Amino acid sequence: MDLVAGAKRVFIAMEHATRDNKPKILKKCTLPLTGVEVVDHIVTELAVIDVTPDGLLLRELAPDATLEQVQSLTEPKLLLPRGGPQTFARVAFKCCERRRAI
């Protein structure tokens, strides 16, 4: 079943890095694809990233994350919006913190 067929916008919610701190956001996907070039936004515990024709735009950073940290855990070079990325509210990511504690 194709999960992204006909979707107007696709958000990916994921952890930013592997357990051994290797990037999960890669220049080229190494796993089987459900759809090609269909992702609009990537949301992780560290950042909110927009997928644009020009590349990955770092829209928001977690309060405890730095640009350098997020870039080091992201294989493609991140683009920055005019004025820099915003800081997002940590409240939205309680589910990620709970999941890690399990």
PDB file of N, CA and C in Angstrom:
ATOM      1  N   MET A   1       0.848  -1.181   0.000  1.00  0.00           N
ATOM      2  CA  MET A   1       0.000   0.000   0.000  1.00  0.00           C
ATOM      3  C   MET A   1       0.886   1.233   0.000  1.00  0.00           C
ATOM      4  N   ASP A   2       0.594   2.166  -0.858  1.00  0.00           N
ATOM      5  CA  ASP A   2       1.363   3.395  -0.947  1.00  0.00           C
ATOM      6  C   ASP A   2       0.781   4.418   0.018  1.00  0.00           C
ATOM      7  N   LEU A   3       1.499   4.720   1.078  1.00  0.00           N
ATOM      8  CA  LEU A   3       0.999   5.612   2.126  1.00  0.00           C
ATOM      9  C   LEU A   3       0.960   7.073   1.706  1.00  0.00           C
ATOM     10  N   VAL A   4       1.690   7.438   0.676  1.00  0.00           N
ATOM     11  CA  VAL A   4       1.753   8.843   0.286  1.00  0.00           C
ATOM     12  C   VAL A   4       0.995   9.155  -1.000  1.00  0.00           C
ATOM     13  N   ALA A   5       0.338   8.173  -1.578  1.00  0.00           N
ATOM     14  CA  ALA A   5      -0.400   8.390  -2.824  1.00  0.00           C
ATOM     15  C   ALA A   5      -1.520   9.400  -2.601  1.00  0.00           C
ATOM     16  N   GLY A   6      -1.506  10.461  -3.360  1.00  0.00           N
ATOM     17  CA  GLY A   6      -2.561  11.451  -3.302  1.00  0.00           C
ATOM     18  C   GLY A   6      -2.477  12.427  -2.135  1.00  0.00           C
ATOM     19  N   ALA A   7      -1.458  12.310  -1.297  1.00  0.00           N
ATOM     20  CA  ALA A   7      -1.328  13.225  -0.161  1.00  0.00           C
ATOM     21  C   ALA A   7      -0.954  14.620  -0.648  1.00  0.00           C
ATOM     22  N   LYS A   8      -1.592  15.641  -0.068  1.00  0.00           N
ATOM     23  CA  LYS A   8      -1.275  17.018  -0.448  1.00  0.00           C
ATOM     24  C   LYS A   8       0.034  17.484   0.179  1.00  0.00           C
ATOM     25  N   ARG A   9       0.272  17.093   1.440  1.00  0.00           N
ATOM     26  CA  ARG A   9       1.528  17.412   2.129  1.00  0.00           C
ATOM     27  C   ARG A   9       1.940  16.203   2.954  1.00  0.00           C
ATOM     28  N   VAL A  10       3.233  15.937   2.976  1.00  0.00           N
ATOM     29  CA  VAL A  10       3.754  14.785   3.716  1.00  0.00           C
ATOM     30  C   VAL A  10       4.739  15.278   4.773  1.00  0.00           C
ATOM     31  N   PHE A  11       4.445  14.938   6.044  1.00  0.00           N
ATOM     32  CA  PHE A  11       5.313  15.240   7.174  1.00  0.00           C
ATOM     33  C   PHE A  11       5.962  13.939   7.620  1.00  0.00           C
ATOM     34  N   ILE A  12       7.253  13.971   7.858  1.00  0.00           N
ATOM     35  CA  ILE A  12       7.960  12.824   8.401  1.00  0.00           C
ATOM     36  C   ILE A  12       8.340  13.162   9.836  1.00  0.00           C
ATOM     37  N   ALA A  13       7.913  12.348  10.789  1.00  0.00           N
ATOM     38  CA  ALA A  13       8.297  12.503  12.195  1.00  0.00           C
ATOM     39  C   ALA A  13       9.288  11.388  12.506  1.00  0.00           C
ATOM     40  N   MET A  14      10.477  11.773  12.949  1.00  0.00           N
ATOM     41  CA  MET A  14      11.532  10.778  13.154  1.00  0.00           C
ATOM     42  C   MET A  14      12.550  11.273  14.164  1.00  0.00           C
ATOM     43  N   GLU A  15      13.388  10.364  14.630  1.00  0.00           N
ATOM     44  CA  GLU A  15      14.538  10.760  15.438  1.00  0.00           C
ATOM     45  C   GLU A  15      15.609  11.264  14.487  1.00  0.00           C
ATOM     46  N   HIS A  16      16.354  12.260  14.917  1.00  0.00           N
ATOM     47  CA  HIS A  16      17.298  12.932  14.023  1.00  0.00           C
ATOM     48  C   HIS A  16      18.524  12.080  13.693  1.00  0.00           C
ATOM     49  N   ALA A  17      18.963  11.260  14.653  1.00  0.00           N
ATOM     50  CA  ALA A  17      20.188  10.481  14.448  1.00  0.00           C
ATOM     51  C   ALA A  17      19.983   9.045  14.922  1.00  0.00           C
ATOM     52  N   THR A  18      20.899   8.176  14.528  1.00  0.00           N
ATOM     53  CA  THR A  18      20.867   6.789  14.969  1.00  0.00           C
ATOM     54  C   THR A  18      21.343   6.707  16.416  1.00  0.00           C
ATOM     55  N   ARG A  19      21.265   5.534  16.987  1.00  0.00           N
ATOM     56  CA  ARG A  19      21.721   5.347  18.375  1.00  0.00           C
ATOM     57  C   ARG A  19      23.195   5.671  18.550  1.00  0.00           C
ATOM     58  N   ASP A  20      23.983   5.481  17.496  1.00  0.00           N
ATOM     59  CA  ASP A  20      25.414   5.797  17.583  1.00  0.00           C
ATOM     60  C   ASP A  20      25.738   7.158  16.962  1.00  0.00           C
ATOM     61  N   ASN A  21      24.756   8.062  16.981  1.00  0.00           N
ATOM     62  CA  ASN A  21      24.912   9.459  16.536  1.00  0.00           C
ATOM     63  C   ASN A  21      25.350   9.626  15.082  1.00  0.00           C
ATOM     64  N   LYS A  22      24.858   8.775  14.219  1.00  0.00           N
ATOM     65  CA  LYS A  22      25.066   8.927  12.776  1.00  0.00           C
ATOM     66  C   LYS A  22      23.816   9.580  12.190  1.00  0.00           C
ATOM     67  N   PRO A  23      23.963  10.393  11.148  1.00  0.00           N
ATOM     68  CA  PRO A  23      22.799  11.060  10.550  1.00  0.00           C
ATOM     69  C   PRO A  23      21.780  10.067   9.989  1.00  0.00           C
ATOM     70  N   LYS A  24      20.505  10.366  10.213  1.00  0.00           N
ATOM     71  CA  LYS A  24      19.418   9.618   9.579  1.00  0.00           C
ATOM     72  C   LYS A  24      18.899  10.367   8.357  1.00  0.00           C
ATOM     73  N   ILE A  25      19.124  11.681   8.326  1.00  0.00           N
ATOM     74  CA  ILE A  25      18.722  12.486   7.167  1.00  0.00           C
ATOM     75  C   ILE A  25      19.909  12.485   6.214  1.00  0.00           C
ATOM     76  N   LEU A  26      19.739  11.794   5.095  1.00  0.00           N
ATOM     77  CA  LEU A  26      20.839  11.544   4.176  1.00  0.00           C
ATOM     78  C   LEU A  26      20.630  12.245   2.839  1.00  0.00           C
ATOM     79  N   LYS A  27      21.714  12.351   2.067  1.00  0.00           N
ATOM     80  CA  LYS A  27      21.622  12.923   0.716  1.00  0.00           C
ATOM     81  C   LYS A  27      20.831  11.999  -0.203  1.00  0.00           C
ATOM     82  N   LYS A  28      20.972  10.692   0.011  1.00  0.00           N
ATOM     83  CA  LYS A  28      20.264   9.714  -0.817  1.00  0.00           C
ATOM     84  C   LYS A  28      19.752   8.599   0.085  1.00  0.00           C
ATOM     85  N   CYS A  29      18.489   8.253  -0.070  1.00  0.00           N
ATOM     86  CA  CYS A  29      17.874   7.225   0.751  1.00  0.00           C
ATOM     87  C   CYS A  29      18.473   5.860   0.424  1.00  0.00           C
ATOM     88  N   THR A  30      18.753   5.081   1.462  1.00  0.00           N
ATOM     89  CA  THR A  30      19.332   3.750   1.266  1.00  0.00           C
ATOM     90  C   THR A  30      18.311   2.640   1.493  1.00  0.00           C
ATOM     91  N   LEU A  31      17.095   3.011   1.841  1.00  0.00           N
ATOM     92  CA  LEU A  31      16.021   2.040   2.076  1.00  0.00           C
ATOM     93  C   LEU A  31      15.018   2.077   0.925  1.00  0.00           C
ATOM     94  N   PRO A  32      14.176   1.045   0.801  1.00  0.00           N
ATOM     95  CA  PRO A  32      13.137   1.078  -0.244  1.00  0.00           C
ATOM     96  C   PRO A  32      12.222   2.297  -0.051  1.00  0.00           C
ATOM     97  N   LEU A  33      11.833   2.929  -1.133  1.00  0.00           N
ATOM     98  CA  LEU A  33      11.020   4.143  -1.076  1.00  0.00           C
ATOM     99  C   LEU A  33       9.536   3.841  -1.220  1.00  0.00           C
ATOM    100  N   THR A  34       8.735   4.532  -0.429  1.00  0.00           N
ATOM    101  CA  THR A  34       7.283   4.480  -0.572  1.00  0.00           C
ATOM    102  C   THR A  34       6.853   5.431  -1.672  1.00  0.00           C
ATOM    103  N   GLY A  35       7.549   6.569  -1.788  1.00  0.00           N
ATOM    104  CA  GLY A  35       7.287   7.561  -2.819  1.00  0.00           C
ATOM    105  C   GLY A  35       8.571   8.332  -3.087  1.00  0.00           C
ATOM    106  N   VAL A  36       8.676   8.897  -4.264  1.00  0.00           N
ATOM    107  CA  VAL A  36       9.876   9.641  -4.645  1.00  0.00           C
ATOM    108  C   VAL A  36       9.561  11.137  -4.636  1.00  0.00           C
ATOM    109  N   GLU A  37      10.387  11.908  -3.933  1.00  0.00           N
ATOM    110  CA  GLU A  37      10.266  13.369  -3.848  1.00  0.00           C
ATOM    111  C   GLU A  37       8.869  13.807  -3.409  1.00  0.00           C
ATOM    112  N   VAL A  38       8.362  13.193  -2.329  1.00  0.00           N
ATOM    113  CA  VAL A  38       7.022  13.526  -1.844  1.00  0.00           C
ATOM    114  C   VAL A  38       7.031  14.190  -0.463  1.00  0.00           C
ATOM    115  N   VAL A  39       8.163  14.180   0.229  1.00  0.00           N
ATOM    116  CA  VAL A  39       8.230  14.718   1.590  1.00  0.00           C
ATOM    117  C   VAL A  39       8.278  16.241   1.539  1.00  0.00           C
ATOM    118  N   ASP A  40       7.439  16.883   2.372  1.00  0.00           N
ATOM    119  CA  ASP A  40       7.404  18.340   2.462  1.00  0.00           C
ATOM    120  C   ASP A  40       8.100  18.862   3.715  1.00  0.00           C
ATOM    121  N   HIS A  41       7.984  18.116   4.827  1.00  0.00           N
ATOM    122  CA  HIS A  41       8.537  18.575   6.100  1.00  0.00           C
ATOM    123  C   HIS A  41       9.098  17.390   6.877  1.00  0.00           C
ATOM    124  N   ILE A  42      10.206  17.629   7.592  1.00  0.00           N
ATOM    125  CA  ILE A  42      10.797  16.632   8.476  1.00  0.00           C
ATOM    126  C   ILE A  42      10.786  17.234   9.879  1.00  0.00           C
ATOM    127  N   VAL A  43      10.219  16.487  10.830  1.00  0.00           N
ATOM    128  CA  VAL A  43      10.141  16.956  12.215  1.00  0.00           C
ATOM    129  C   VAL A  43      10.894  15.950  13.087  1.00  0.00           C
ATOM    130  N   THR A  44      11.907  16.440  13.832  1.00  0.00           N
ATOM    131  CA  THR A  44      12.667  15.583  14.743  1.00  0.00           C
ATOM    132  C   THR A  44      12.690  16.233  16.120  1.00  0.00           C
ATOM    133  N   GLU A  45      13.333  15.571  17.070  1.00  0.00           N
ATOM    134  CA  GLU A  45      13.456  16.134  18.403  1.00  0.00           C
ATOM    135  C   GLU A  45      14.406  17.331  18.435  1.00  0.00           C
ATOM    136  N   LEU A  46      15.162  17.538  17.355  1.00  0.00           N
ATOM    137  CA  LEU A  46      16.119  18.646  17.292  1.00  0.00           C
ATOM    138  C   LEU A  46      15.691  19.790  16.386  1.00  0.00           C
ATOM    139  N   ALA A  47      14.862  19.497  15.375  1.00  0.00           N
ATOM    140  CA  ALA A  47      14.592  20.516  14.369  1.00  0.00           C
ATOM    141  C   ALA A  47      13.322  20.248  13.578  1.00  0.00           C
ATOM    142  N   VAL A  48      12.868  21.321  12.923  1.00  0.00           N
ATOM    143  CA  VAL A  48      11.818  21.235  11.913  1.00  0.00           C
ATOM    144  C   VAL A  48      12.459  21.703  10.614  1.00  0.00           C
ATOM    145  N   ILE A  49      12.405  20.853   9.607  1.00  0.00           N
ATOM    146  CA  ILE A  49      13.090  21.111   8.340  1.00  0.00           C
ATOM    147  C   ILE A  49      12.077  21.056   7.208  1.00  0.00           C
ATOM    148  N   ASP A  50      12.094  22.073   6.348  1.00  0.00           N
ATOM    149  CA  ASP A  50      11.251  22.075   5.155  1.00  0.00           C
ATOM    150  C   ASP A  50      12.064  21.521   3.991  1.00  0.00           C
ATOM    151  N   VAL A  51      11.454  20.653   3.211  1.00  0.00           N
ATOM    152  CA  VAL A  51      12.096  20.118   2.013  1.00  0.00           C
ATOM    153  C   VAL A  51      11.673  21.010   0.855  1.00  0.00           C
ATOM    154  N   THR A  52      12.636  21.715   0.264  1.00  0.00           N
ATOM    155  CA  THR A  52      12.353  22.657  -0.818  1.00  0.00           C
ATOM    156  C   THR A  52      13.095  22.239  -2.081  1.00  0.00           C
ATOM    157  N   PRO A  53      12.746  22.801  -3.233  1.00  0.00           N
ATOM    158  CA  PRO A  53      13.492  22.490  -4.457  1.00  0.00           C
ATOM    159  C   PRO A  53      14.972  22.877  -4.360  1.00  0.00           C
ATOM    160  N   ASP A  54      15.288  23.860  -3.497  1.00  0.00           N
ATOM    161  CA  ASP A  54      16.678  24.301  -3.341  1.00  0.00           C
ATOM    162  C   ASP A  54      17.465  23.462  -2.341  1.00  0.00           C
ATOM    163  N   GLY A  55      16.777  22.684  -1.517  1.00  0.00           N
ATOM    164  CA  GLY A  55      17.440  21.874  -0.502  1.00  0.00           C
ATOM    165  C   GLY A  55      16.645  21.877   0.790  1.00  0.00           C
ATOM    166  N   LEU A  56      17.291  21.472   1.876  1.00  0.00           N
ATOM    167  CA  LEU A  56      16.645  21.371   3.177  1.00  0.00           C
ATOM    168  C   LEU A  56      16.772  22.689   3.935  1.00  0.00           C
ATOM    169  N   LEU A  57      15.637  23.286   4.260  1.00  0.00           N
ATOM    170  CA  LEU A  57      15.591  24.581   4.935  1.00  0.00           C
ATOM    171  C   LEU A  57      15.324  24.357   6.420  1.00  0.00           C
ATOM    172  N   LEU A  58      16.290  24.728   7.255  1.00  0.00           N
ATOM    173  CA  LEU A  58      16.164  24.573   8.704  1.00  0.00           C
ATOM    174  C   LEU A  58      15.238  25.655   9.235  1.00  0.00           C
ATOM    175  N   ARG A  59      13.983  25.293   9.448  1.00  0.00           N
ATOM    176  CA  ARG A  59      12.956  26.252   9.844  1.00  0.00           C
ATOM    177  C   ARG A  59      12.997  26.545  11.346  1.00  0.00           C
ATOM    178  N   GLU A  60      13.132  25.484  12.173  1.00  0.00           N
ATOM    179  CA  GLU A  60      13.102  25.664  13.633  1.00  0.00           C
ATOM    180  C   GLU A  60      14.108  24.749  14.309  1.00  0.00           C
ATOM    181  N   LEU A  61      14.646  25.226  15.431  1.00  0.00           N
ATOM    182  CA  LEU A  61      15.559  24.455  16.273  1.00  0.00           C
ATOM    183  C   LEU A  61      14.923  24.207  17.631  1.00  0.00           C
ATOM    184  N   ALA A  62      15.227  23.067  18.247  1.00  0.00           N
ATOM    185  CA  ALA A  62      14.809  22.813  19.623  1.00  0.00           C
ATOM    186  C   ALA A  62      15.573  23.778  20.532  1.00  0.00           C
ATOM    187  N   PRO A  63      14.989  24.139  21.679  1.00  0.00           N
ATOM    188  CA  PRO A  63      15.642  25.090  22.581  1.00  0.00           C
ATOM    189  C   PRO A  63      17.046  24.667  23.015  1.00  0.00           C
ATOM    190  N   ASP A  64      17.281  23.361  23.143  1.00  0.00           N
ATOM    191  CA  ASP A  64      18.587  22.885  23.600  1.00  0.00           C
ATOM    192  C   ASP A  64      19.499  22.442  22.461  1.00  0.00           C
ATOM    193  N   ALA A  65      19.117  22.703  21.220  1.00  0.00           N
ATOM    194  CA  ALA A  65      19.921  22.311  20.057  1.00  0.00           C
ATOM    195  C   ALA A  65      20.644  23.525  19.482  1.00  0.00           C
ATOM    196  N   THR A  66      21.797  23.269  18.888  1.00  0.00           N
ATOM    197  CA  THR A  66      22.538  24.334  18.205  1.00  0.00           C
ATOM    198  C   THR A  66      22.567  24.036  16.711  1.00  0.00           C
ATOM    199  N   LEU A  67      22.789  25.065  15.939  1.00  0.00           N
ATOM    200  CA  LEU A  67      22.899  24.899  14.491  1.00  0.00           C
ATOM    201  C   LEU A  67      24.024  23.921  14.151  1.00  0.00           C
ATOM    202  N   GLU A  68      25.144  24.047  14.826  1.00  0.00           N
ATOM    203  CA  GLU A  68      26.293  23.181  14.566  1.00  0.00           C
ATOM    204  C   GLU A  68      25.963  21.716  14.866  1.00  0.00           C
ATOM    205  N   GLN A  69      25.249  21.479  15.978  1.00  0.00           N
ATOM    206  CA  GLN A  69      24.861  20.122  16.346  1.00  0.00           C
ATOM    207  C   GLN A  69      23.937  19.517  15.294  1.00  0.00           C
ATOM    208  N   VAL A  70      22.915  20.272  14.897  1.00  0.00           N
ATOM    209  CA  VAL A  70      21.953  19.768  13.916  1.00  0.00           C
ATOM    210  C   VAL A  70      22.636  19.525  12.572  1.00  0.00           C
ATOM    211  N   GLN A  71      23.509  20.437  12.153  1.00  0.00           N
ATOM    212  CA  GLN A  71      24.208  20.236  10.877  1.00  0.00           C
ATOM    213  C   GLN A  71      25.119  19.019  10.935  1.00  0.00           C
ATOM    214  N   SER A  72      25.781  18.805  12.060  1.00  0.00           N
ATOM    215  CA  SER A  72      26.685  17.644  12.170  1.00  0.00           C
ATOM    216  C   SER A  72      25.925  16.328  12.128  1.00  0.00           C
ATOM    217  N   LEU A  73      24.636  16.352  12.474  1.00  0.00           N
ATOM    218  CA  LEU A  73      23.810  15.145  12.455  1.00  0.00           C
ATOM    219  C   LEU A  73      22.916  15.067  11.226  1.00  0.00           C
ATOM    220  N   THR A  74      23.176  15.920  10.239  1.00  0.00           N
ATOM    221  CA  THR A  74      22.404  15.966   8.994  1.00  0.00           C
ATOM    222  C   THR A  74      23.396  15.909   7.837  1.00  0.00           C
ATOM    223  N   GLU A  75      23.300  14.896   6.998  1.00  0.00           N
ATOM    224  CA  GLU A  75      24.275  14.744   5.910  1.00  0.00           C
ATOM    225  C   GLU A  75      24.225  15.884   4.890  1.00  0.00           C
ATOM    226  N   PRO A  76      23.042  16.241   4.351  1.00  0.00           N
ATOM    227  CA  PRO A  76      23.019  17.362   3.401  1.00  0.00           C
ATOM    228  C   PRO A  76      23.264  18.695   4.115  1.00  0.00           C
ATOM    229  N   LYS A  77      23.821  19.637   3.397  1.00  0.00           N
ATOM    230  CA  LYS A  77      24.006  20.990   3.940  1.00  0.00           C
ATOM    231  C   LYS A  77      22.634  21.622   4.144  1.00  0.00           C
ATOM    232  N   LEU A  78      22.407  22.187   5.331  1.00  0.00           N
ATOM    233  CA  LEU A  78      21.136  22.834   5.630  1.00  0.00           C
ATOM    234  C   LEU A  78      21.143  24.282   5.175  1.00  0.00           C
ATOM    235  N   LEU A  79      20.030  24.711   4.607  1.00  0.00           N
ATOM    236  CA  LEU A  79      19.841  26.110   4.245  1.00  0.00           C
ATOM    237  C   LEU A  79      19.199  26.817   5.425  1.00  0.00           C
ATOM    238  N   LEU A  80      19.467  28.104   5.581  1.00  0.00           N
ATOM    239  CA  LEU A  80      18.907  28.880   6.683  1.00  0.00           C
ATOM    240  C   LEU A  80      17.949  29.939   6.148  1.00  0.00           C
ATOM    241  N   PRO A  81      16.815  30.131   6.827  1.00  0.00           N
ATOM    242  CA  PRO A  81      15.892  31.190   6.410  1.00  0.00           C
ATOM    243  C   PRO A  81      16.476  32.553   6.766  1.00  0.00           C
ATOM    244  N   ARG A  82      16.000  33.568   6.113  1.00  0.00           N
ATOM    245  CA  ARG A  82      16.415  34.926   6.438  1.00  0.00           C
ATOM    246  C   ARG A  82      16.118  35.179   7.915  1.00  0.00           C
ATOM    247  N   GLY A  83      17.079  35.660   8.665  1.00  0.00           N
ATOM    248  CA  GLY A  83      16.894  35.893  10.095  1.00  0.00           C
ATOM    249  C   GLY A  83      17.223  34.677  10.953  1.00  0.00           C
ATOM    250  N   GLY A  84      17.535  33.547  10.331  1.00  0.00           N
ATOM    251  CA  GLY A  84      17.891  32.342  11.071  1.00  0.00           C
ATOM    252  C   GLY A  84      16.681  31.537  11.488  1.00  0.00           C
ATOM    253  N   PRO A  85      16.929  30.314  11.975  1.00  0.00           N
ATOM    254  CA  PRO A  85      15.813  29.460  12.393  1.00  0.00           C
ATOM    255  C   PRO A  85      15.179  29.946  13.688  1.00  0.00           C
ATOM    256  N   GLN A  86      13.889  29.675  13.845  1.00  0.00           N
ATOM    257  CA  GLN A  86      13.153  29.973  15.076  1.00  0.00           C
ATOM    258  C   GLN A  86      13.458  28.890  16.108  1.00  0.00           C
ATOM    259  N   THR A  87      13.080  29.127  17.349  1.00  0.00           N
ATOM    260  CA  THR A  87      13.165  28.105  18.396  1.00  0.00           C
ATOM    261  C   THR A  87      11.753  27.608  18.658  1.00  0.00           C
ATOM    262  N   PHE A  88      11.559  26.287  18.610  1.00  0.00           N
ATOM    263  CA  PHE A  88      10.206  25.774  18.819  1.00  0.00           C
ATOM    264  C   PHE A  88       9.967  25.416  20.275  1.00  0.00           C
ATOM    265  N   ALA A  89       8.693  25.327  20.629  1.00  0.00           N
ATOM    266  CA  ALA A  89       8.289  24.987  21.993  1.00  0.00           C
ATOM    267  C   ALA A  89       8.549  23.514  22.247  1.00  0.00           C
ATOM    268  N   ARG A  90       9.165  23.212  23.337  1.00  0.00           N
ATOM    269  CA  ARG A  90       9.499  21.830  23.689  1.00  0.00           C
ATOM    270  C   ARG A  90       8.256  20.995  23.991  1.00  0.00           C
ATOM    271  N   VAL A  91       7.158  21.620  24.335  1.00  0.00           N
ATOM    272  CA  VAL A  91       5.924  20.922  24.699  1.00  0.00           C
ATOM    273  C   VAL A  91       5.474  19.973  23.597  1.00  0.00           C
ATOM    274  N   ALA A  92       5.642  20.361  22.359  1.00  0.00           N
ATOM    275  CA  ALA A  92       5.183  19.555  21.234  1.00  0.00           C
ATOM    276  C   ALA A  92       5.934  18.235  21.120  1.00  0.00           C
ATOM    277  N   PHE A  93       7.029  18.090  21.829  1.00  0.00           N
ATOM    278  CA  PHE A  93       7.868  16.907  21.650  1.00  0.00           C
ATOM    279  C   PHE A  93       7.941  16.031  22.887  1.00  0.00           C
ATOM    280  N   LYS A  94       6.934  16.103  23.754  1.00  0.00           N
ATOM    281  CA  LYS A  94       6.871  15.245  24.936  1.00  0.00           C
ATOM    282  C   LYS A  94       6.842  13.777  24.535  1.00  0.00           C
ATOM    283  N   CYS A  95       6.181  13.447  23.414  1.00  0.00           N
ATOM    284  CA  CYS A  95       6.080  12.060  22.981  1.00  0.00           C
ATOM    285  C   CYS A  95       7.456  11.476  22.695  1.00  0.00           C
ATOM    286  N   CYS A  96       8.351  12.241  22.105  1.00  0.00           N
ATOM    287  CA  CYS A  96       9.707  11.767  21.804  1.00  0.00           C
ATOM    288  C   CYS A  96      10.470  11.495  23.095  1.00  0.00           C
ATOM    289  N   GLU A  97      10.342  12.381  24.090  1.00  0.00           N
ATOM    290  CA  GLU A  97      11.039  12.205  25.357  1.00  0.00           C
ATOM    291  C   GLU A  97      10.519  10.965  26.077  1.00  0.00           C
ATOM    292  N   ARG A  98       9.201  10.759  26.052  1.00  0.00           N
ATOM    293  CA  ARG A  98       8.595   9.607  26.707  1.00  0.00           C
ATOM    294  C   ARG A  98       9.071   8.325  26.042  1.00  0.00           C
ATOM    295  N   ARG A  99       9.130   8.331  24.732  1.00  0.00           N
ATOM    296  CA  ARG A  99       9.540   7.136  23.985  1.00  0.00           C
ATOM    297  C   ARG A  99      10.970   6.751  24.299  1.00  0.00           C
ATOM    298  N   ARG A 100      11.844   7.718  24.440  1.00  0.00           N
ATOM    299  CA  ARG A 100      13.243   7.431  24.748  1.00  0.00           C
ATOM    300  C   ARG A 100      13.404   6.852  26.150  1.00  0.00           C
ATOM    301  N   ALA A 101      12.519   7.238  27.056  1.00  0.00           N
ATOM    302  CA  ALA A 101      12.617   6.761  28.436  1.00  0.00           C
ATOM    303  C   ALA A 101      12.226   5.305  28.574  1.00  0.00           C
ATOM    304  N   ILE A 102      11.513   4.776  27.588  1.00  0.00           N
ATOM    305  CA  ILE A 102      11.036   3.386  27.651  1.00  0.00           C
ATOM    306  C   ILE A 102      12.177   2.411  27.422  1.00  0.00           C
TER     307      ILE A 102
END
